[in-house]
Amino acid sequence: MIKLLRNIFLRNWGLKLFSFILALLLWLTLIPEEKMYSEKTLVIPLTLNNIPYQMELAEKVQPRINVTLNAPNRLLPQITEATVHAVLDLSSASVEQTAYPINKNMVSIPAGTEIKELYPSQVNIELEYTKEVTLKVEPTLIGELAEGFELKSVQVIPNEVSIRGPESKIPDKAVVKTTPIDISKFMQPTEIEAELILPNPDVRLSGSNTKVSVRLLIQEKVEEQEAEKPGKTADT
């Protein structure tokens, strides 16, 4: 019996191996493309939706996740960042929560594909309450006036602006600066517009105006006049 089986498998083994390989190639060639599956992994941004009112992200960083999809080979070219989206709904989030689970229901994918793996299984997101304050505007003056001139006064209009942002990003003694103004260019009273520089890049102006007017009262120095000498008394 053993000898018979050996003869069956070993006799003309080269021809049998060739036949097997040929049959496999024919099968791979003729099998419908829809039934040939492959995996593809994308790294996509996680969109954060429905952040609660009067809350915002402590850090403006968009998390990203790895998505591995199993799909027919003919669909692989359609699997891109433009067709695969992940959305995290934060409508029930709180400032106390920092870890949020990631699951397959959050990811939209092309029809005919399936999600095989998601990584990571959760993301860390820190929310803070929104803080709004009114800050003083301080002009930033550079350079020196020409000889013989002096700066009598500086007026900023408006001299205060309101800003909003995460509460940890607004220091207690913060001020808003203007872009530098070179006073060496001026020899007379001048009014100039200047952009505002906020105390932190994560805060923003409450209004739409991003500029202020700075009025510079520049005058020529008045030399002290020599004290008037006493005159002669009139004849009586």
C-alpha atoms as a PDB file:
ATOM      1  CA  MET A   1       0.000   0.000   0.000  1.00  0.00           C
ATOM      2  CA  ILE A   2       2.784   2.371   0.912  1.00  0.00           C
ATOM      3  CA  LYS A   3       4.646   1.480  -2.248  1.00  0.00           C
ATOM      4  CA  LEU A   4       1.524   2.163  -4.305  1.00  0.00           C
ATOM      5  CA  LEU A   5       1.065   5.615  -2.773  1.00  0.00           C
ATOM      6  CA  ARG A   6       4.713   6.378  -3.289  1.00  0.00           C
ATOM      7  CA  ASN A   7       4.445   5.452  -6.940  1.00  0.00           C
ATOM      8  CA  ILE A   8       1.358   7.635  -7.352  1.00  0.00           C
ATOM      9  CA  PHE A   9       3.028  10.762  -5.938  1.00  0.00           C
ATOM     10  CA  LEU A  10       6.611  10.271  -7.038  1.00  0.00           C
ATOM     11  CA  ARG A  11       6.208   8.826 -10.499  1.00  0.00           C
ATOM     12  CA  ASN A  12       6.660  11.623 -13.047  1.00  0.00           C
ATOM     13  CA  TRP A  13       6.797  14.120 -10.176  1.00  0.00           C
ATOM     14  CA  GLY A  14       8.275  16.811 -12.374  1.00  0.00           C
ATOM     15  CA  LEU A  15       5.407  16.622 -14.807  1.00  0.00           C
ATOM     16  CA  LYS A  16       2.892  16.600 -11.955  1.00  0.00           C
ATOM     17  CA  LEU A  17       4.517  19.676 -10.357  1.00  0.00           C
ATOM     18  CA  PHE A  18       4.426  21.492 -13.686  1.00  0.00           C
ATOM     19  CA  SER A  19       0.758  20.616 -14.107  1.00  0.00           C
ATOM     20  CA  PHE A  20      -0.043  21.878 -10.619  1.00  0.00           C
ATOM     21  CA  ILE A  21       1.706  25.217 -11.214  1.00  0.00           C
ATOM     22  CA  LEU A  22       0.000  25.595 -14.582  1.00  0.00           C
ATOM     23  CA  ALA A  23      -3.405  24.909 -13.037  1.00  0.00           C
ATOM     24  CA  LEU A  24      -2.712  27.436 -10.281  1.00  0.00           C
ATOM     25  CA  LEU A  25      -1.746  30.134 -12.779  1.00  0.00           C
ATOM     26  CA  LEU A  26      -4.862  29.460 -14.831  1.00  0.00           C
ATOM     27  CA  TRP A  27      -6.993  29.674 -11.702  1.00  0.00           C
ATOM     28  CA  LEU A  28      -5.415  32.993 -10.666  1.00  0.00           C
ATOM     29  CA  THR A  29      -5.872  34.349 -14.178  1.00  0.00           C
ATOM     30  CA  LEU A  30      -9.455  33.307 -14.638  1.00  0.00           C
ATOM     31  CA  ILE A  31     -10.771  33.995 -11.112  1.00  0.00           C
ATOM     32  CA  PRO A  32     -13.018  37.108 -11.072  1.00  0.00           C
ATOM     33  CA  GLU A  33     -11.214  40.212  -9.760  1.00  0.00           C
ATOM     34  CA  GLU A  34     -14.061  40.826  -7.305  1.00  0.00           C
ATOM     35  CA  LYS A  35     -13.104  37.676  -5.435  1.00  0.00           C
ATOM     36  CA  MET A  36      -9.446  38.621  -5.028  1.00  0.00           C
ATOM     37  CA  TYR A  37      -9.024  40.622  -1.833  1.00  0.00           C
ATOM     38  CA  SER A  38      -6.122  42.622  -0.451  1.00  0.00           C
ATOM     39  CA  GLU A  39      -5.496  44.861   2.541  1.00  0.00           C
ATOM     40  CA  LYS A  40      -4.661  48.550   2.495  1.00  0.00           C
ATOM     41  CA  THR A  41      -3.732  50.787   5.439  1.00  0.00           C
ATOM     42  CA  LEU A  42      -4.296  54.546   5.586  1.00  0.00           C
ATOM     43  CA  VAL A  43      -3.355  57.153   8.170  1.00  0.00           C
ATOM     44  CA  ILE A  44      -6.278  59.585   8.233  1.00  0.00           C
ATOM     45  CA  PRO A  45      -7.204  62.644  10.338  1.00  0.00           C
ATOM     46  CA  LEU A  46      -9.847  62.255  13.013  1.00  0.00           C
ATOM     47  CA  THR A  47     -12.385  65.051  12.605  1.00  0.00           C
ATOM     48  CA  LEU A  48     -13.726  66.428  15.898  1.00  0.00           C
ATOM     49  CA  ASN A  49     -17.380  67.482  15.678  1.00  0.00           C
ATOM     50  CA  ASN A  50     -19.895  69.113  18.025  1.00  0.00           C
ATOM     51  CA  ILE A  51     -17.532  70.509  20.642  1.00  0.00           C
ATOM     52  CA  PRO A  52     -19.825  71.753  23.449  1.00  0.00           C
ATOM     53  CA  TYR A  53     -20.633  75.457  23.693  1.00  0.00           C
ATOM     54  CA  GLN A  54     -18.134  77.502  25.717  1.00  0.00           C
ATOM     55  CA  MET A  55     -15.534  74.718  25.465  1.00  0.00           C
ATOM     56  CA  GLU A  56     -12.613  74.316  23.094  1.00  0.00           C
ATOM     57  CA  LEU A  57      -9.489  72.297  22.517  1.00  0.00           C
ATOM     58  CA  ALA A  58      -6.630  73.077  24.864  1.00  0.00           C
ATOM     59  CA  GLU A  59      -4.196  72.232  22.037  1.00  0.00           C
ATOM     60  CA  LYS A  60      -5.058  72.798  18.373  1.00  0.00           C
ATOM     61  CA  VAL A  61      -3.728  69.411  17.228  1.00  0.00           C
ATOM     62  CA  GLN A  62      -5.828  67.111  15.051  1.00  0.00           C
ATOM     63  CA  PRO A  63      -5.356  63.431  16.013  1.00  0.00           C
ATOM     64  CA  ARG A  64      -4.764  60.820  13.290  1.00  0.00           C
ATOM     65  CA  ILE A  65      -5.635  57.124  13.226  1.00  0.00           C
ATOM     66  CA  ASN A  66      -4.508  54.084  11.233  1.00  0.00           C
ATOM     67  CA  VAL A  67      -7.287  52.283   9.327  1.00  0.00           C
ATOM     68  CA  THR A  68      -6.649  48.896   7.686  1.00  0.00           C
ATOM     69  CA  LEU A  69      -9.277  47.915   5.097  1.00  0.00           C
ATOM     70  CA  ASN A  70      -9.946  44.609   3.374  1.00  0.00           C
ATOM     71  CA  ALA A  71     -11.280  45.133  -0.153  1.00  0.00           C
ATOM     72  CA  PRO A  72     -11.441  43.611  -3.645  1.00  0.00           C
ATOM     73  CA  ASN A  73      -8.373  44.470  -5.659  1.00  0.00           C
ATOM     74  CA  ARG A  74     -10.430  46.485  -8.128  1.00  0.00           C
ATOM     75  CA  LEU A  75     -11.471  48.844  -5.295  1.00  0.00           C
ATOM     76  CA  LEU A  76      -7.995  49.477  -3.919  1.00  0.00           C
ATOM     77  CA  PRO A  77      -7.401  52.614  -6.040  1.00  0.00           C
ATOM     78  CA  GLN A  78     -10.590  54.105  -4.557  1.00  0.00           C
ATOM     79  CA  ILE A  79      -9.342  53.755  -0.996  1.00  0.00           C
ATOM     80  CA  THR A  80      -7.742  57.134  -0.242  1.00  0.00           C
ATOM     81  CA  GLU A  81      -7.959  59.891   2.375  1.00  0.00           C
ATOM     82  CA  ALA A  82     -10.637  61.459   0.185  1.00  0.00           C
ATOM     83  CA  THR A  83     -12.964  58.440   0.515  1.00  0.00           C
ATOM     84  CA  VAL A  84     -12.225  57.255   4.054  1.00  0.00           C
ATOM     85  CA  HIS A  85     -13.317  59.569   6.884  1.00  0.00           C
ATOM     86  CA  ALA A  86     -13.278  59.286  10.676  1.00  0.00           C
ATOM     87  CA  VAL A  87     -15.442  61.529  12.865  1.00  0.00           C
ATOM     88  CA  LEU A  88     -15.541  61.742  16.658  1.00  0.00           C
ATOM     89  CA  ASP A  89     -18.719  63.266  18.098  1.00  0.00           C
ATOM     90  CA  LEU A  90     -17.876  65.354  21.186  1.00  0.00           C
ATOM     91  CA  SER A  91     -21.383  66.582  21.942  1.00  0.00           C
ATOM     92  CA  SER A  92     -21.384  64.784  25.317  1.00  0.00           C
ATOM     93  CA  ALA A  93     -17.734  65.551  26.162  1.00  0.00           C
ATOM     94  CA  SER A  94     -16.613  67.315  29.332  1.00  0.00           C
ATOM     95  CA  VAL A  95     -13.465  69.031  30.592  1.00  0.00           C
ATOM     96  CA  GLU A  96     -12.937  66.157  33.024  1.00  0.00           C
ATOM     97  CA  GLN A  97     -12.732  63.516  30.273  1.00  0.00           C
ATOM     98  CA  THR A  98      -9.481  63.145  28.352  1.00  0.00           C
ATOM     99  CA  ALA A  99      -9.645  59.627  26.801  1.00  0.00           C
ATOM    100  CA  TYR A 100     -12.135  58.873  23.993  1.00  0.00           C
ATOM    101  CA  PRO A 101     -12.585  55.394  22.460  1.00  0.00           C
ATOM    102  CA  ILE A 102     -12.324  54.851  18.697  1.00  0.00           C
ATOM    103  CA  ASN A 103     -14.600  52.287  17.021  1.00  0.00           C
ATOM    104  CA  LYS A 104     -15.551  51.196  13.512  1.00  0.00           C
ATOM    105  CA  ASN A 105     -18.864  53.075  13.581  1.00  0.00           C
ATOM    106  CA  MET A 106     -16.928  56.349  13.480  1.00  0.00           C
ATOM    107  CA  VAL A 107     -15.317  55.532  10.121  1.00  0.00           C
ATOM    108  CA  SER A 108     -17.042  55.867   6.731  1.00  0.00           C
ATOM    109  CA  ILE A 109     -15.575  53.698   3.962  1.00  0.00           C
ATOM    110  CA  PRO A 110     -16.325  52.933   0.288  1.00  0.00           C
ATOM    111  CA  ALA A 111     -19.041  50.359  -0.426  1.00  0.00           C
ATOM    112  CA  GLY A 112     -17.681  46.834  -0.799  1.00  0.00           C
ATOM    113  CA  THR A 113     -14.845  47.298   1.698  1.00  0.00           C
ATOM    114  CA  GLU A 114     -14.609  46.377   5.346  1.00  0.00           C
ATOM    115  CA  ILE A 115     -12.544  47.595   8.266  1.00  0.00           C
ATOM    116  CA  LYS A 116     -10.130  45.003   9.538  1.00  0.00           C
ATOM    117  CA  GLU A 117      -8.232  47.027  12.123  1.00  0.00           C
ATOM    118  CA  LEU A 118      -8.171  50.448  13.789  1.00  0.00           C
ATOM    119  CA  TYR A 119      -5.238  51.913  15.681  1.00  0.00           C
ATOM    120  CA  PRO A 120      -5.108  53.385  18.261  1.00  0.00           C
ATOM    121  CA  SER A 121      -8.164  52.176  20.124  1.00  0.00           C
ATOM    122  CA  GLN A 122      -8.552  55.557  21.846  1.00  0.00           C
ATOM    123  CA  VAL A 123      -7.306  59.131  21.572  1.00  0.00           C
ATOM    124  CA  ASN A 124      -6.474  61.721  24.208  1.00  0.00           C
ATOM    125  CA  ILE A 125      -8.263  65.042  23.812  1.00  0.00           C
ATOM    126  CA  GLU A 126      -8.197  67.833  26.373  1.00  0.00           C
ATOM    127  CA  LEU A 127     -11.003  70.371  26.465  1.00  0.00           C
ATOM    128  CA  GLU A 128     -11.061  73.609  28.434  1.00  0.00           C
ATOM    129  CA  TYR A 129     -13.673  76.222  29.157  1.00  0.00           C
ATOM    130  CA  THR A 130     -13.555  79.275  26.904  1.00  0.00           C
ATOM    131  CA  LYS A 131     -12.382  82.447  28.625  1.00  0.00           C
ATOM    132  CA  GLU A 132     -13.098  85.968  27.382  1.00  0.00           C
ATOM    133  CA  VAL A 133     -11.267  88.994  28.761  1.00  0.00           C
ATOM    134  CA  THR A 134     -10.631  92.622  27.859  1.00  0.00           C
ATOM    135  CA  LEU A 135      -6.943  93.501  27.609  1.00  0.00           C
ATOM    136  CA  LYS A 136      -5.043  96.749  27.339  1.00  0.00           C
ATOM    137  CA  VAL A 137      -3.314  97.514  24.030  1.00  0.00           C
ATOM    138  CA  GLU A 138       0.293  98.624  24.361  1.00  0.00           C
ATOM    139  CA  PRO A 139       2.051 100.182  21.357  1.00  0.00           C
ATOM    140  CA  THR A 140       5.493  98.842  20.458  1.00  0.00           C
ATOM    141  CA  LEU A 141       7.715 101.802  19.554  1.00  0.00           C
ATOM    142  CA  ILE A 142      11.177 101.319  18.094  1.00  0.00           C
ATOM    143  CA  GLY A 143      13.891 103.673  16.854  1.00  0.00           C
ATOM    144  CA  GLU A 144      14.746 107.166  18.034  1.00  0.00           C
ATOM    145  CA  LEU A 145      13.395 110.544  16.998  1.00  0.00           C
ATOM    146  CA  ALA A 146      15.550 112.874  14.965  1.00  0.00           C
ATOM    147  CA  GLU A 147      17.666 115.271  16.965  1.00  0.00           C
ATOM    148  CA  GLY A 148      15.702 118.256  18.131  1.00  0.00           C
ATOM    149  CA  PHE A 149      12.336 116.442  18.340  1.00  0.00           C
ATOM    150  CA  GLU A 150      10.476 114.858  21.225  1.00  0.00           C
ATOM    151  CA  LEU A 151       7.492 112.526  21.722  1.00  0.00           C
ATOM    152  CA  LYS A 152       4.983 114.384  23.858  1.00  0.00           C
ATOM    153  CA  SER A 153       2.268 111.687  24.005  1.00  0.00           C
ATOM    154  CA  VAL A 154       1.053 108.368  22.572  1.00  0.00           C
ATOM    155  CA  GLN A 155      -2.629 107.510  22.185  1.00  0.00           C
ATOM    156  CA  VAL A 156      -4.018 104.118  21.100  1.00  0.00           C
ATOM    157  CA  ILE A 157      -7.551 103.935  19.661  1.00  0.00           C
ATOM    158  CA  PRO A 158      -9.131 101.728  20.901  1.00  0.00           C
ATOM    159  CA  ASN A 159      -6.879 101.215  23.894  1.00  0.00           C
ATOM    160  CA  GLU A 160      -8.556  97.914  24.880  1.00  0.00           C
ATOM    161  CA  VAL A 161      -9.722  94.838  22.957  1.00  0.00           C
ATOM    162  CA  SER A 162     -11.551  91.630  23.902  1.00  0.00           C
ATOM    163  CA  ILE A 163     -10.002  88.222  23.260  1.00  0.00           C
ATOM    164  CA  ARG A 164     -11.245  84.646  23.622  1.00  0.00           C
ATOM    165  CA  GLY A 165      -9.512  81.309  24.019  1.00  0.00           C
ATOM    166  CA  PRO A 166      -8.806  78.348  26.304  1.00  0.00           C
ATOM    167  CA  GLU A 167      -8.545  79.634  29.865  1.00  0.00           C
ATOM    168  CA  SER A 168      -5.028  78.249  30.354  1.00  0.00           C
ATOM    169  CA  LYS A 169      -3.761  80.239  27.339  1.00  0.00           C
ATOM    170  CA  ILE A 170      -4.633  83.675  28.757  1.00  0.00           C
ATOM    171  CA  PRO A 171      -2.161  84.802  31.457  1.00  0.00           C
ATOM    172  CA  ASP A 172      -3.502  86.927  34.310  1.00  0.00           C
ATOM    173  CA  LYS A 173      -1.369  89.964  33.412  1.00  0.00           C
ATOM    174  CA  ALA A 174      -1.540  89.599  29.650  1.00  0.00           C
ATOM    175  CA  VAL A 175      -1.539  92.569  27.292  1.00  0.00           C
ATOM    176  CA  VAL A 176      -1.985  92.956  23.550  1.00  0.00           C
ATOM    177  CA  LYS A 177       0.970  94.446  21.696  1.00  0.00           C
ATOM    178  CA  THR A 178       1.036  96.220  18.363  1.00  0.00           C
ATOM    179  CA  THR A 179       3.393  95.482  15.530  1.00  0.00           C
ATOM    180  CA  PRO A 180       6.560  97.609  15.833  1.00  0.00           C
ATOM    181  CA  ILE A 181       6.258 101.297  14.882  1.00  0.00           C
ATOM    182  CA  ASP A 182       9.510 103.002  13.878  1.00  0.00           C
ATOM    183  CA  ILE A 183       9.263 106.547  15.242  1.00  0.00           C
ATOM    184  CA  SER A 184      12.545 107.597  13.614  1.00  0.00           C
ATOM    185  CA  LYS A 185      10.597 108.193  10.387  1.00  0.00           C
ATOM    186  CA  PHE A 186       8.411 110.966  11.829  1.00  0.00           C
ATOM    187  CA  MET A 187       9.038 114.646  12.561  1.00  0.00           C
ATOM    188  CA  GLN A 188       5.485 115.838  13.133  1.00  0.00           C
ATOM    189  CA  PRO A 189       2.230 114.632  14.759  1.00  0.00           C
ATOM    190  CA  THR A 190       1.324 111.319  13.093  1.00  0.00           C
ATOM    191  CA  GLU A 191      -1.469 108.743  13.183  1.00  0.00           C
ATOM    192  CA  ILE A 192      -0.645 105.242  11.958  1.00  0.00           C
ATOM    193  CA  GLU A 193      -2.497 101.927  11.815  1.00  0.00           C
ATOM    194  CA  ALA A 194      -0.862  98.920  13.490  1.00  0.00           C
ATOM    195  CA  GLU A 195      -1.716  95.230  13.569  1.00  0.00           C
ATOM    196  CA  LEU A 196      -2.389  93.520  16.890  1.00  0.00           C
ATOM    197  CA  ILE A 197      -0.187  90.778  18.340  1.00  0.00           C
ATOM    198  CA  LEU A 198      -2.071  88.577  20.815  1.00  0.00           C
ATOM    199  CA  PRO A 199      -0.413  87.110  23.930  1.00  0.00           C
ATOM    200  CA  ASN A 200      -0.783  83.512  22.685  1.00  0.00           C
ATOM    201  CA  PRO A 201      -1.332  81.961  19.225  1.00  0.00           C
ATOM    202  CA  ASP A 202      -4.182  79.832  20.630  1.00  0.00           C
ATOM    203  CA  VAL A 203      -6.364  82.859  21.447  1.00  0.00           C
ATOM    204  CA  ARG A 204      -8.306  85.108  19.087  1.00  0.00           C
ATOM    205  CA  LEU A 205      -9.989  88.486  18.963  1.00  0.00           C
ATOM    206  CA  SER A 206     -13.656  88.528  19.882  1.00  0.00           C
ATOM    207  CA  GLY A 207     -14.406  91.055  17.152  1.00  0.00           C
ATOM    208  CA  SER A 208     -13.406  91.325  13.518  1.00  0.00           C
ATOM    209  CA  ASN A 209     -11.125  94.362  13.827  1.00  0.00           C
ATOM    210  CA  THR A 210      -7.437  93.368  13.820  1.00  0.00           C
ATOM    211  CA  LYS A 211      -5.920  96.863  13.827  1.00  0.00           C
ATOM    212  CA  VAL A 212      -5.726  99.928  16.052  1.00  0.00           C
ATOM    213  CA  SER A 213      -4.771 103.551  15.399  1.00  0.00           C
ATOM    214  CA  VAL A 214      -1.731 104.939  17.184  1.00  0.00           C
ATOM    215  CA  ARG A 215      -1.498 108.738  17.478  1.00  0.00           C
ATOM    216  CA  LEU A 216       1.982 110.105  18.061  1.00  0.00           C
ATOM    217  CA  LEU A 217       2.306 113.711  19.208  1.00  0.00           C
ATOM    218  CA  ILE A 218       5.785 114.614  17.962  1.00  0.00           C
ATOM    219  CA  GLN A 219       7.028 118.179  18.350  1.00  0.00           C
ATOM    220  CA  GLU A 220      10.192 120.122  17.892  1.00  0.00           C
ATOM    221  CA  LYS A 221      11.942 120.765  21.165  1.00  0.00           C
ATOM    222  CA  VAL A 222      11.614 124.276  22.503  1.00  0.00           C
ATOM    223  CA  GLU A 223      14.904 125.522  23.906  1.00  0.00           C
ATOM    224  CA  GLU A 224      14.676 127.271  27.217  1.00  0.00           C
ATOM    225  CA  GLN A 225      14.861 130.974  26.582  1.00  0.00           C
ATOM    226  CA  GLU A 226      17.472 132.989  28.346  1.00  0.00           C
ATOM    227  CA  ALA A 227      15.973 134.706  31.363  1.00  0.00           C
ATOM    228  CA  GLU A 228      15.005 138.235  30.513  1.00  0.00           C
ATOM    229  CA  LYS A 229      17.504 140.705  31.901  1.00  0.00           C
ATOM    230  CA  PRO A 230      16.111 143.484  34.195  1.00  0.00           C
ATOM    231  CA  GLY A 231      15.583 146.711  32.200  1.00  0.00           C
ATOM    232  CA  LYS A 232      16.369 150.243  33.208  1.00  0.00           C
ATOM    233  CA  THR A 233      13.820 152.049  35.305  1.00  0.00           C
ATOM    234  CA  ALA A 234      11.819 154.724  33.582  1.00  0.00           C
ATOM    235  CA  ASP A 235      12.601 158.348  34.337  1.00  0.00           C
ATOM    236  CA  THR A 236      10.256 159.879  36.738  1.00  0.00           C
END
